[in-house]
């Protein structure tokens, strides 16, 4: 039976009078350096219309440090460990063990005393992520999260992830498949992709079916969306009062899903090069007309990126007629999702940053955490690029390249995107309807393991297991899957068993 998840989407645009800039004296000019995600090295983020407004209002200069997205986490660790962070940086892939290590080594700066009162909008945003207690260490906070939902969307937990799938609607219709209800079973996915390949609808003799990166194909597509479980977690089984390691606990389910992937791979339904394909490469294969099916976010910005990439590669072809999002239905008849935390990344500071510089950066972040600040982030400066009409609705709006930079100082794009008037309303409405459907019909197959996520110990810091490489090997060879998997995970017992004992001792003894 499907378990309903309550979600309330109440987007509203209201006149944002009464907000206040964080108290402070901005008479002294301050320059600061900054890094964020998804940067384009050819873009001048520091001097577009929005940044000019920020520089004028807060009397600052901007030094943007570029970083390659594919090596972002590796580069960030090098910067932190080497003491070479920019003044403020965006930390993707946060984990609590590293956070505590960085604090112990003095590698990131704490927020100033009294920040909660001085930057009230930042503080309110912080509270909505549920991270404040976790990130407070001996009364100090050393990072602040960038919320996903805050001012415009009310989404009670659990929050469904925005991951989703895309298929060639025109190819499906040509071959007699109908997915107009927005869902597709795994059997239908197999048959649709097989038919597309057999008909060679790419026209190159090498039409691809399912084109998804290996980790996403394994963890998200099959283990979660078909199997309904989180294959990699340390799960706190509160009903039985014990922690379990899911690679062992779900070994038979893992073997079952791996067997399905092996069969599909042998049939050619899965891209022969899936183990070499990154997420961006998979999307490119799909939008360029080489494959029938891929994975990409079905949030508003996901729609916009898929649409833009497809239209660039297929001039003259109407996106709405050719491509559509779809939600997968498992073989057991359910739809599953991964629970999403209400934050994406964290903001951290160079340990040697001057107090006045941190104050100015936090003041900017505090402004962009207001309703007006969010609108300004994505629509440009108020009364320059947009204004409210007599119905308190937004008129106008310009999204600048630096919008990305300022959202990674405050609240990421999801919160405002459902109602951003600069985006196609049809796309916004579709993204809302998918989110609502997920919350009402899908099951949380991968809940956030809060107890493990924020647990820290030397034993946990030693845990490192590569599950995906072994599953890729099993997909591509002829070994009997379950015995091979059991043998593989047994070699990690020296790391896993002590950690399980420690977790159970701390939580249940």
Protein backbone atom coordinates (compact mmCIF):
# COMPACT_ATOMS: atom_id res chain seq x y z
CA UNK A 1 0.00 0.00 0.00
CA UNK A 2 1.31 3.44 -0.86
CA UNK A 3 2.06 5.66 2.07
CA UNK A 4 1.04 9.28 1.62
CA UNK A 5 3.62 11.91 2.40
CA UNK A 6 2.22 15.29 3.33
CA UNK A 7 3.61 18.26 1.45
CA UNK A 8 2.25 21.76 1.36
CA UNK A 9 3.29 23.91 -1.60
CA UNK A 10 2.15 27.41 -0.81
CA UNK A 11 4.06 29.75 -3.07
CA UNK A 12 3.22 33.34 -2.48
CA UNK A 13 4.58 36.65 -3.65
CA UNK A 14 3.93 39.43 -1.20
CA UNK A 15 5.16 42.95 -0.81
CA UNK A 16 8.37 42.67 1.17
CA UNK A 17 8.27 45.86 3.17
CA UNK A 18 9.78 45.91 6.59
CA UNK A 19 12.97 43.98 5.87
CA UNK A 20 16.13 45.55 7.17
CA UNK A 21 19.77 45.28 6.23
CA UNK A 22 21.91 43.84 9.00
CA UNK A 23 23.09 46.62 11.27
CA UNK A 24 26.52 47.88 10.40
CA UNK A 25 28.66 50.67 9.08
CA UNK A 26 29.35 50.19 5.38
CA UNK A 27 31.33 53.38 4.91
CA UNK A 28 34.69 51.58 4.68
CA UNK A 29 35.24 49.77 1.40
CA UNK A 30 35.99 46.05 1.77
CA UNK A 31 37.21 43.58 -0.85
CA UNK A 32 36.62 39.88 -0.40
CA UNK A 33 37.25 36.66 -2.32
CA UNK A 34 34.56 34.09 -2.99
CA UNK A 35 34.04 30.67 -4.61
CA UNK A 36 30.79 28.86 -5.42
CA UNK A 37 29.51 25.97 -7.55
CA UNK A 38 28.77 25.43 -11.25
CA UNK A 39 31.04 28.25 -12.32
CA UNK A 40 31.72 29.18 -15.93
CA UNK A 41 35.26 30.42 -16.42
CA UNK A 42 34.17 32.64 -19.30
CA UNK A 43 31.64 34.58 -17.16
CA UNK A 44 32.39 37.81 -15.31
CA UNK A 45 30.31 37.28 -12.18
CA UNK A 46 31.76 40.27 -10.36
CA UNK A 47 30.60 42.97 -12.78
CA UNK A 48 27.10 42.19 -14.05
CA UNK A 49 24.04 44.26 -13.13
CA UNK A 50 23.30 42.40 -9.90
CA UNK A 51 26.89 42.46 -8.66
CA UNK A 52 27.16 46.17 -9.46
CA UNK A 53 24.11 46.72 -7.25
CA UNK A 54 25.63 44.62 -4.44
CA UNK A 55 28.97 46.39 -4.67
CA UNK A 56 27.25 49.77 -4.52
CA UNK A 57 24.86 48.98 -1.65
CA UNK A 58 27.38 47.16 0.54
CA UNK A 59 30.50 49.04 -0.56
CA UNK A 60 32.48 45.93 -1.48
CA UNK A 61 34.76 44.61 -4.18
CA UNK A 62 34.55 41.02 -5.42
CA UNK A 63 37.38 38.65 -6.25
CA UNK A 64 35.81 35.50 -7.74
CA UNK A 65 37.90 32.33 -7.51
CA UNK A 66 37.08 29.82 -10.21
CA UNK A 67 36.95 26.12 -9.53
CA UNK A 68 36.14 23.20 -11.84
CA UNK A 69 32.89 21.51 -10.81
CA UNK A 70 34.19 18.00 -11.50
CA UNK A 71 37.09 18.51 -9.07
CA UNK A 72 35.29 20.83 -6.67
CA UNK A 73 35.33 18.61 -3.59
CA UNK A 74 38.95 17.56 -4.08
CA UNK A 75 40.07 21.15 -4.61
CA UNK A 76 38.07 22.33 -1.60
CA UNK A 77 39.77 19.80 0.67
CA UNK A 78 43.17 20.93 -0.62
CA UNK A 79 42.29 24.57 0.03
CA UNK A 80 41.02 23.87 3.52
CA UNK A 81 43.93 21.62 4.52
CA UNK A 82 46.46 24.04 3.04
CA UNK A 83 44.93 27.11 4.67
CA UNK A 84 44.33 28.70 1.26
CA UNK A 85 40.56 29.09 1.24
CA UNK A 86 39.07 32.24 -0.25
CA UNK A 87 37.44 34.49 2.32
CA UNK A 88 34.10 32.68 1.87
CA UNK A 89 33.58 29.38 0.07
CA UNK A 90 30.83 26.91 -0.75
CA UNK A 91 31.41 23.45 0.69
CA UNK A 92 29.70 20.69 -1.28
CA UNK A 93 29.69 17.14 0.08
CA UNK A 94 29.77 18.15 3.73
CA UNK A 95 30.29 15.43 6.29
CA UNK A 96 30.45 15.76 10.06
CA UNK A 97 33.76 13.96 10.54
CA UNK A 98 35.60 16.38 8.28
CA UNK A 99 33.80 19.32 9.88
CA UNK A 100 35.04 18.32 13.34
CA UNK A 101 38.55 17.69 12.04
CA UNK A 102 38.68 21.13 10.42
CA UNK A 103 37.50 22.76 13.64
CA UNK A 104 40.06 20.87 15.73
CA UNK A 105 42.84 21.98 13.37
CA UNK A 106 41.67 25.60 13.22
CA UNK A 107 41.12 25.42 9.45
CA UNK A 108 37.76 27.22 9.29
CA UNK A 109 36.64 30.32 11.14
CA UNK A 110 33.67 30.44 13.54
CA UNK A 111 30.82 32.88 13.11
CA UNK A 112 31.16 35.84 15.49
CA UNK A 113 29.50 35.91 18.89
CA UNK A 114 26.00 37.35 18.69
CA UNK A 115 25.58 36.54 15.01
CA UNK A 116 22.05 35.29 15.66
CA UNK A 117 20.87 38.77 16.68
CA UNK A 118 22.93 40.75 14.20
CA UNK A 119 21.93 38.65 11.17
CA UNK A 120 18.35 37.61 12.02
CA UNK A 121 17.35 36.59 8.50
CA UNK A 122 20.37 34.33 8.17
CA UNK A 123 19.53 32.87 11.58
CA UNK A 124 15.91 32.14 10.59
CA UNK A 125 17.07 30.45 7.40
CA UNK A 126 19.59 28.40 9.40
CA UNK A 127 16.88 27.16 11.78
CA UNK A 128 14.73 25.90 8.91
CA UNK A 129 17.49 23.49 7.86
CA UNK A 130 17.46 21.68 11.25
CA UNK A 131 21.27 21.87 11.33
CA UNK A 132 21.89 24.49 14.00
CA UNK A 133 22.32 22.08 16.90
CA UNK A 134 24.46 19.71 14.83
CA UNK A 135 26.82 22.44 13.62
CA UNK A 136 27.22 24.08 17.03
CA UNK A 137 30.45 22.93 18.68
CA UNK A 138 31.29 24.20 22.17
CA UNK A 139 28.93 27.13 21.64
CA UNK A 140 30.41 28.13 18.28
CA UNK A 141 29.15 27.66 14.72
CA UNK A 142 31.76 27.16 12.01
CA UNK A 143 29.58 26.94 8.89
CA UNK A 144 26.14 28.01 7.76
CA UNK A 145 23.89 26.02 5.42
CA UNK A 146 22.27 27.18 2.20
CA UNK A 147 18.62 26.22 2.57
CA UNK A 148 16.62 24.68 -0.24
CA UNK A 149 13.19 25.83 0.97
CA UNK A 150 12.76 28.84 3.21
CA UNK A 151 10.68 31.91 2.41
CA UNK A 152 8.29 30.88 -0.35
CA UNK A 153 7.74 27.13 -0.08
CA UNK A 154 6.47 25.33 3.02
CA UNK A 155 7.56 21.70 2.76
CA UNK A 156 7.19 19.65 5.93
CA UNK A 157 9.59 16.74 6.34
CA UNK A 158 10.21 14.32 4.78
CA UNK A 159 11.09 16.25 1.64
CA UNK A 160 11.08 14.16 -1.57
CA UNK A 161 14.22 14.47 -3.65
CA UNK A 162 13.92 16.24 -6.98
CA UNK A 163 15.74 13.53 -8.91
CA UNK A 164 13.82 12.22 -11.88
CA UNK A 165 14.03 10.79 -15.37
CA UNK A 166 13.56 11.92 -18.96
CA UNK A 167 12.49 10.05 -22.09
CA UNK A 168 11.95 10.78 -25.76
CA UNK A 169 8.22 11.41 -25.93
CA UNK A 170 8.23 11.55 -29.74
CA UNK A 171 10.04 8.21 -30.03
CA UNK A 172 7.66 6.58 -27.55
CA UNK A 173 4.61 7.80 -29.46
CA UNK A 174 6.12 6.70 -32.76
CA UNK A 175 6.47 3.17 -31.38
CA UNK A 176 3.04 3.08 -29.72
CA UNK A 177 4.03 3.67 -26.09
CA UNK A 178 1.94 6.01 -23.93
CA UNK A 179 3.43 7.53 -20.78
CA UNK A 180 1.19 10.57 -20.74
CA UNK A 181 0.28 9.99 -17.07
CA UNK A 182 3.88 10.86 -16.19
CA UNK A 183 4.85 7.39 -14.92
CA UNK A 184 6.69 4.39 -16.37
CA UNK A 185 7.12 0.93 -14.88
CA UNK A 186 10.45 -0.86 -15.10
CA UNK A 187 8.96 -3.38 -17.49
CA UNK A 188 7.75 -0.53 -19.68
CA UNK A 189 11.16 1.13 -19.48
CA UNK A 190 12.81 -2.07 -20.68
CA UNK A 191 10.37 -2.61 -23.53
CA UNK A 192 10.42 1.04 -24.63
CA UNK A 193 14.23 1.21 -24.74
CA UNK A 194 14.50 -2.16 -26.49
CA UNK A 195 12.03 -1.01 -29.15
CA UNK A 196 13.89 2.29 -29.66
CA UNK A 197 17.19 0.42 -30.09
CA UNK A 198 15.68 -2.12 -32.49
CA UNK A 199 14.18 0.70 -34.58
CA UNK A 200 17.49 2.64 -34.44
CA UNK A 201 15.65 5.91 -33.91
CA UNK A 202 18.96 7.76 -33.43
CA UNK A 203 19.66 6.80 -37.05
CA UNK A 204 23.31 5.98 -36.50
CA UNK A 205 23.17 2.22 -36.09
CA UNK A 206 24.10 2.62 -32.41
CA UNK A 207 20.97 3.94 -30.70
CA UNK A 208 21.33 3.81 -26.91
CA UNK A 209 18.63 2.93 -24.39
CA UNK A 210 19.22 3.74 -20.71
CA UNK A 211 22.12 6.20 -20.48
CA UNK A 212 22.91 7.02 -16.85
CA UNK A 213 26.18 7.24 -14.89
CA UNK A 214 27.12 4.01 -13.11
CA UNK A 215 26.64 5.21 -9.52
CA UNK A 216 23.25 6.75 -10.29
CA UNK A 217 22.14 3.71 -12.30
CA UNK A 218 23.02 1.38 -9.44
CA UNK A 219 22.06 3.34 -6.32
CA UNK A 220 19.21 5.51 -7.58
CA UNK A 221 17.59 3.80 -10.56
CA UNK A 222 17.63 0.16 -9.53
CA UNK A 223 18.34 -0.16 -5.79
CA UNK A 224 16.11 2.75 -4.75
CA UNK A 225 13.49 3.22 -7.44
CA UNK A 226 13.00 -0.48 -8.17
CA UNK A 227 14.19 -2.12 -4.94
CA UNK A 228 12.94 0.53 -2.52
CA UNK A 229 16.01 0.64 -0.25
CA UNK A 230 19.23 2.55 0.44
CA UNK A 231 21.95 0.07 -0.43
CA UNK A 232 24.86 1.91 1.21
CA UNK A 233 23.56 3.15 4.56
CA UNK A 234 24.25 2.40 8.19
CA UNK A 235 20.62 2.21 9.23
CA UNK A 236 19.38 2.72 12.78
CA UNK A 237 16.71 0.03 13.12
CA UNK A 238 14.93 1.59 16.07
CA UNK A 239 12.21 -1.08 16.15
CA UNK A 240 14.78 -3.76 16.91
CA UNK A 241 17.20 -1.49 18.77
CA UNK A 242 20.25 -2.00 16.58
CA UNK A 243 22.26 -0.47 13.74
CA UNK A 244 22.57 -2.53 10.57
CA UNK A 245 24.85 -2.21 7.55
CA UNK A 246 22.61 -2.21 4.48
CA UNK A 247 25.10 -3.81 2.03
CA UNK A 248 24.85 -6.89 4.26
CA UNK A 249 21.27 -6.50 5.49
CA UNK A 250 19.93 -6.15 1.93
CA UNK A 251 22.37 -8.52 0.22
CA UNK A 252 19.62 -10.63 -1.39
CA UNK A 253 17.82 -7.52 -2.67
CA UNK A 254 21.11 -6.13 -3.99
CA UNK A 255 21.78 -9.40 -5.77
CA UNK A 256 18.28 -9.37 -7.29
CA UNK A 257 18.63 -5.85 -8.69
CA UNK A 258 22.16 -6.57 -9.92
CA UNK A 259 20.82 -9.59 -11.80
CA UNK A 260 18.25 -7.39 -13.55
CA UNK A 261 20.95 -4.88 -14.52
CA UNK A 262 23.12 -7.71 -15.85
CA UNK A 263 20.28 -8.97 -18.02
CA UNK A 264 19.51 -5.50 -19.36
CA UNK A 265 23.20 -4.88 -20.01
CA UNK A 266 23.55 -8.11 -21.98
CA UNK A 267 20.49 -7.18 -24.05
CA UNK A 268 21.98 -3.78 -24.82
CA UNK A 269 19.18 -1.90 -23.03
CA UNK A 270 21.76 -0.24 -20.77
CA UNK A 271 24.43 1.89 -22.46
CA UNK A 272 27.44 -0.41 -23.09
CA UNK A 273 29.70 2.37 -21.76
CA UNK A 274 27.63 3.16 -18.64
CA UNK A 275 30.61 2.44 -16.35
CA UNK A 276 32.65 5.13 -18.15
CA UNK A 277 29.88 7.72 -18.44
CA UNK A 278 29.54 10.75 -16.15
CA UNK A 279 26.23 12.40 -15.37
CA UNK A 280 26.93 15.31 -17.72
CA UNK A 281 27.97 12.93 -20.51
CA UNK A 282 24.78 10.90 -20.04
CA UNK A 283 22.67 14.03 -20.33
CA UNK A 284 24.58 15.08 -23.44
CA UNK A 285 23.97 11.71 -25.10
CA UNK A 286 20.27 12.08 -24.41
CA UNK A 287 19.81 15.70 -25.48
CA UNK A 288 21.89 15.18 -28.62
CA UNK A 289 19.53 12.44 -29.76
CA UNK A 290 21.69 9.37 -29.12
CA UNK A 291 19.72 7.76 -26.28
CA UNK A 292 16.14 7.09 -25.25
CA UNK A 293 16.28 7.62 -21.48
CA UNK A 294 18.37 9.41 -18.87
CA UNK A 295 18.35 10.76 -15.33
CA UNK A 296 18.31 14.44 -14.41
CA UNK A 297 16.59 16.63 -11.84
CA UNK A 298 12.92 17.45 -12.40
CA UNK A 299 13.01 20.67 -10.41
CA UNK A 300 12.50 23.91 -12.34
CA UNK A 301 16.18 24.45 -13.06
CA UNK A 302 16.45 20.83 -14.18
CA UNK A 303 13.67 21.43 -16.70
CA UNK A 304 15.38 24.56 -17.93
CA UNK A 305 18.77 22.88 -18.38
CA UNK A 306 17.38 19.85 -20.21
CA UNK A 307 15.28 22.12 -22.42
CA UNK A 308 18.20 24.42 -23.25
CA UNK A 309 20.57 21.52 -24.01
CA UNK A 310 18.01 19.78 -26.22
CA UNK A 311 17.12 22.91 -28.17
CA UNK A 312 20.80 23.73 -28.72
CA UNK A 313 21.38 20.24 -30.14
CA UNK A 314 18.11 20.04 -32.10
CA UNK A 315 17.29 23.42 -33.66
CA UNK A 316 13.79 23.58 -35.00
CA UNK A 317 12.51 20.66 -32.88
CA UNK A 318 9.91 21.63 -30.28
CA UNK A 319 11.13 20.46 -26.87
CA UNK A 320 7.60 19.94 -25.53
CA UNK A 321 6.79 17.57 -28.41
CA UNK A 322 10.00 15.57 -28.19
CA UNK A 323 10.99 15.24 -24.53
CA UNK A 324 9.12 14.68 -21.26
CA UNK A 325 9.90 13.91 -17.61
CA UNK A 326 8.73 10.65 -16.10
CA UNK A 327 8.63 8.98 -12.69
CA UNK A 328 9.61 5.33 -12.37
CA UNK A 329 7.27 2.77 -10.83
CA UNK A 330 8.95 -0.29 -9.32
CA UNK A 331 8.21 -3.90 -10.13
CA UNK A 332 6.25 -4.08 -6.86
CA UNK A 333 3.99 -1.25 -8.02
CA UNK A 334 5.39 1.53 -5.85
CA UNK A 335 7.17 4.80 -6.46
CA UNK A 336 10.11 5.51 -4.16
CA UNK A 337 12.14 8.61 -3.40
CA UNK A 338 15.21 9.60 -1.45
CA UNK A 339 14.51 11.93 1.47
CA UNK A 340 16.22 15.27 0.97
CA UNK A 341 17.71 17.45 3.68
CA UNK A 342 16.56 21.06 3.61
CA UNK A 343 20.02 22.30 2.68
CA UNK A 344 22.36 21.76 -0.22
CA UNK A 345 25.76 23.17 0.68
CA UNK A 346 27.52 25.03 3.49
CA UNK A 347 29.25 28.39 3.61
CA UNK A 348 32.65 28.41 5.33
CA UNK A 349 35.25 31.09 6.02
CA UNK A 350 39.03 31.29 5.79
CA UNK A 351 40.38 30.91 9.35
CA UNK A 352 42.37 34.14 9.06
CA UNK A 353 39.53 36.34 7.77
CA UNK A 354 39.33 39.78 9.37
CA UNK A 355 36.28 40.42 11.56
CA UNK A 356 35.20 43.41 9.47
CA UNK A 357 35.34 41.37 6.27
CA UNK A 358 33.30 38.51 7.73
CA UNK A 359 30.76 41.01 9.02
CA UNK A 360 30.27 42.51 5.56
CA UNK A 361 29.90 39.08 3.93
CA UNK A 362 27.37 37.99 6.54
CA UNK A 363 25.44 41.23 6.03
CA UNK A 364 25.14 40.44 2.33
CA UNK A 365 24.06 36.87 3.12
CA UNK A 366 21.51 38.17 5.61
CA UNK A 367 19.93 40.42 2.98
CA UNK A 368 19.67 37.61 0.43
CA UNK A 369 17.90 35.50 3.07
CA UNK A 370 14.96 37.95 3.10
CA UNK A 371 12.01 37.56 0.73
CA UNK A 372 13.02 40.68 -1.14
CA UNK A 373 16.61 39.45 -1.20
CA UNK A 374 15.59 36.14 -2.78
CA UNK A 375 13.56 37.92 -5.44
CA UNK A 376 16.46 40.30 -6.06
CA UNK A 377 18.84 37.35 -6.36
CA UNK A 378 16.83 35.84 -9.21
CA UNK A 379 15.08 38.86 -10.74
CA UNK A 380 17.67 41.61 -10.32
CA UNK A 381 17.57 44.78 -8.21
CA UNK A 382 14.14 45.94 -7.15
CA UNK A 383 12.76 49.00 -9.00
CA UNK A 384 15.48 48.53 -11.59
CA UNK A 385 14.66 45.15 -13.13
CA UNK A 386 11.34 44.39 -11.42
CA UNK A 387 8.61 45.93 -9.28
CA UNK A 388 5.38 44.94 -7.55
CA UNK A 389 2.10 45.87 -9.21
CA UNK A 390 -1.10 46.83 -7.42
CA UNK A 391 -1.83 43.13 -6.77
CA UNK A 392 1.60 42.63 -5.16
CA UNK A 393 2.68 40.47 -8.09
CA UNK A 394 6.11 40.72 -9.65
CA UNK A 395 6.40 42.53 -12.96
CA UNK A 396 9.61 42.14 -14.97
CA UNK A 397 12.76 40.49 -13.74
CA UNK A 398 16.22 39.64 -15.09
CA UNK A 399 18.29 36.66 -14.00
CA UNK A 400 21.97 37.60 -13.96
CA UNK A 401 24.93 35.19 -14.06
CA UNK A 402 25.85 36.25 -10.53
CA UNK A 403 22.45 35.08 -9.24
CA UNK A 404 24.19 31.74 -8.79
CA UNK A 405 26.88 33.31 -6.62
CA UNK A 406 24.47 35.04 -4.27
CA UNK A 407 22.20 32.01 -3.87
CA UNK A 408 25.29 30.13 -2.67
CA UNK A 409 25.61 32.80 0.01
CA UNK A 410 22.04 32.31 1.18
CA UNK A 411 19.17 30.17 -0.22
CA UNK A 412 19.51 28.02 -3.32
CA UNK A 413 17.20 28.33 -6.29
CA UNK A 414 14.48 25.77 -5.50
CA UNK A 415 12.66 27.99 -2.97
CA UNK A 416 11.82 30.79 -5.40
CA UNK A 417 11.93 28.86 -8.66
CA UNK A 418 8.31 27.63 -8.54
CA UNK A 419 7.06 31.19 -8.76
CA UNK A 420 9.88 33.01 -10.55
CA UNK A 421 8.06 35.00 -13.27
CA UNK A 422 11.15 34.98 -15.49
CA UNK A 423 10.69 31.22 -15.97
CA UNK A 424 8.16 29.59 -18.29
CA UNK A 425 4.93 29.12 -16.32
CA UNK A 426 4.20 25.79 -18.00
CA UNK A 427 7.53 24.45 -16.74
CA UNK A 428 6.92 25.81 -13.24
CA UNK A 429 3.46 24.26 -13.11
CA UNK A 430 4.77 20.90 -14.31
CA UNK A 431 7.54 20.87 -11.69
CA UNK A 432 5.00 21.68 -8.98
CA UNK A 433 2.63 18.92 -10.12
CA UNK A 434 5.46 16.35 -10.09
CA UNK A 435 6.56 17.40 -6.61
CA UNK A 436 2.99 17.17 -5.36
CA UNK A 437 2.51 13.74 -6.95
CA UNK A 438 5.68 12.45 -5.30
CA UNK A 439 4.67 13.70 -1.88
CA UNK A 440 1.18 12.22 -2.14
CA UNK A 441 1.95 8.88 -3.79
CA UNK A 442 5.58 7.88 -3.29
CA UNK A 443 7.32 6.09 -0.42
CA UNK A 444 10.43 7.31 1.36
CA UNK A 445 12.78 4.50 0.37
CA UNK A 446 15.94 6.23 1.58
CA UNK A 447 15.27 8.24 4.74
CA UNK A 448 18.00 10.49 6.08
CA UNK A 449 20.05 8.53 8.60
CA UNK A 450 20.43 11.45 10.99
CA UNK A 451 21.94 9.38 13.82
CA UNK A 452 24.73 8.14 11.56
CA UNK A 453 25.13 11.27 9.43
CA UNK A 454 26.18 13.42 12.38
CA UNK A 455 27.97 10.74 14.35
CA UNK A 456 31.72 11.27 14.65
CA UNK A 457 34.47 8.96 15.83
CA UNK A 458 37.89 7.75 14.79
CA UNK A 459 36.33 4.41 13.84
CA UNK A 460 33.87 6.10 11.49
CA UNK A 461 36.64 8.19 9.93
CA UNK A 462 38.38 4.94 8.94
CA UNK A 463 35.33 3.60 7.10
CA UNK A 464 35.68 3.67 3.32
CA UNK A 465 34.05 1.10 1.03
CA UNK A 466 33.72 1.05 -2.76
CA UNK A 467 30.42 -0.75 -3.39
CA UNK A 468 29.83 0.45 -6.93
CA UNK A 469 32.93 -0.99 -8.58
CA UNK A 470 32.03 -4.49 -7.43
CA UNK A 471 28.47 -4.20 -8.70
CA UNK A 472 29.77 -2.94 -12.06
CA UNK A 473 32.02 -6.01 -12.19
CA UNK A 474 29.10 -8.30 -11.37
CA UNK A 475 26.95 -6.70 -14.07
CA UNK A 476 29.64 -7.34 -16.66
CA UNK A 477 30.81 -10.85 -15.67
CA UNK A 478 29.22 -14.28 -15.25
CA UNK A 479 29.84 -14.92 -11.54
CA UNK A 480 26.99 -16.13 -9.37
CA UNK A 481 25.93 -12.81 -7.91
CA UNK A 482 24.87 -13.46 -4.31
CA UNK A 483 27.91 -15.55 -3.27
CA UNK A 484 30.24 -13.09 -4.99
CA UNK A 485 28.60 -10.14 -3.21
CA UNK A 486 28.73 -11.87 0.17
CA UNK A 487 32.40 -12.65 -0.35
CA UNK A 488 33.12 -9.07 -1.38
CA UNK A 489 31.46 -7.36 1.59
CA UNK A 490 32.97 -9.88 4.03
CA UNK A 491 36.41 -8.42 3.38
CA UNK A 492 35.26 -5.14 4.96
CA UNK A 493 34.18 -6.73 8.24
CA UNK A 494 37.30 -5.37 9.93
CA UNK A 495 35.99 -1.83 9.37
CA UNK A 496 32.26 -2.46 9.54
CA UNK A 497 31.95 -4.65 12.65
CA UNK A 498 33.82 -2.29 15.03
CA UNK A 499 31.77 0.63 13.77
CA UNK A 500 28.50 -1.24 14.27
CA UNK A 501 29.59 -2.24 17.79
CA UNK A 502 30.50 1.35 18.57
CA UNK A 503 27.21 2.75 17.22
CA UNK A 504 25.14 0.19 19.12
CA UNK A 505 27.10 0.80 22.31
CA UNK A 506 26.64 4.58 22.07
CA UNK A 507 22.94 4.48 21.18
CA UNK A 508 21.61 1.38 22.91
CA UNK A 509 23.86 0.61 25.92
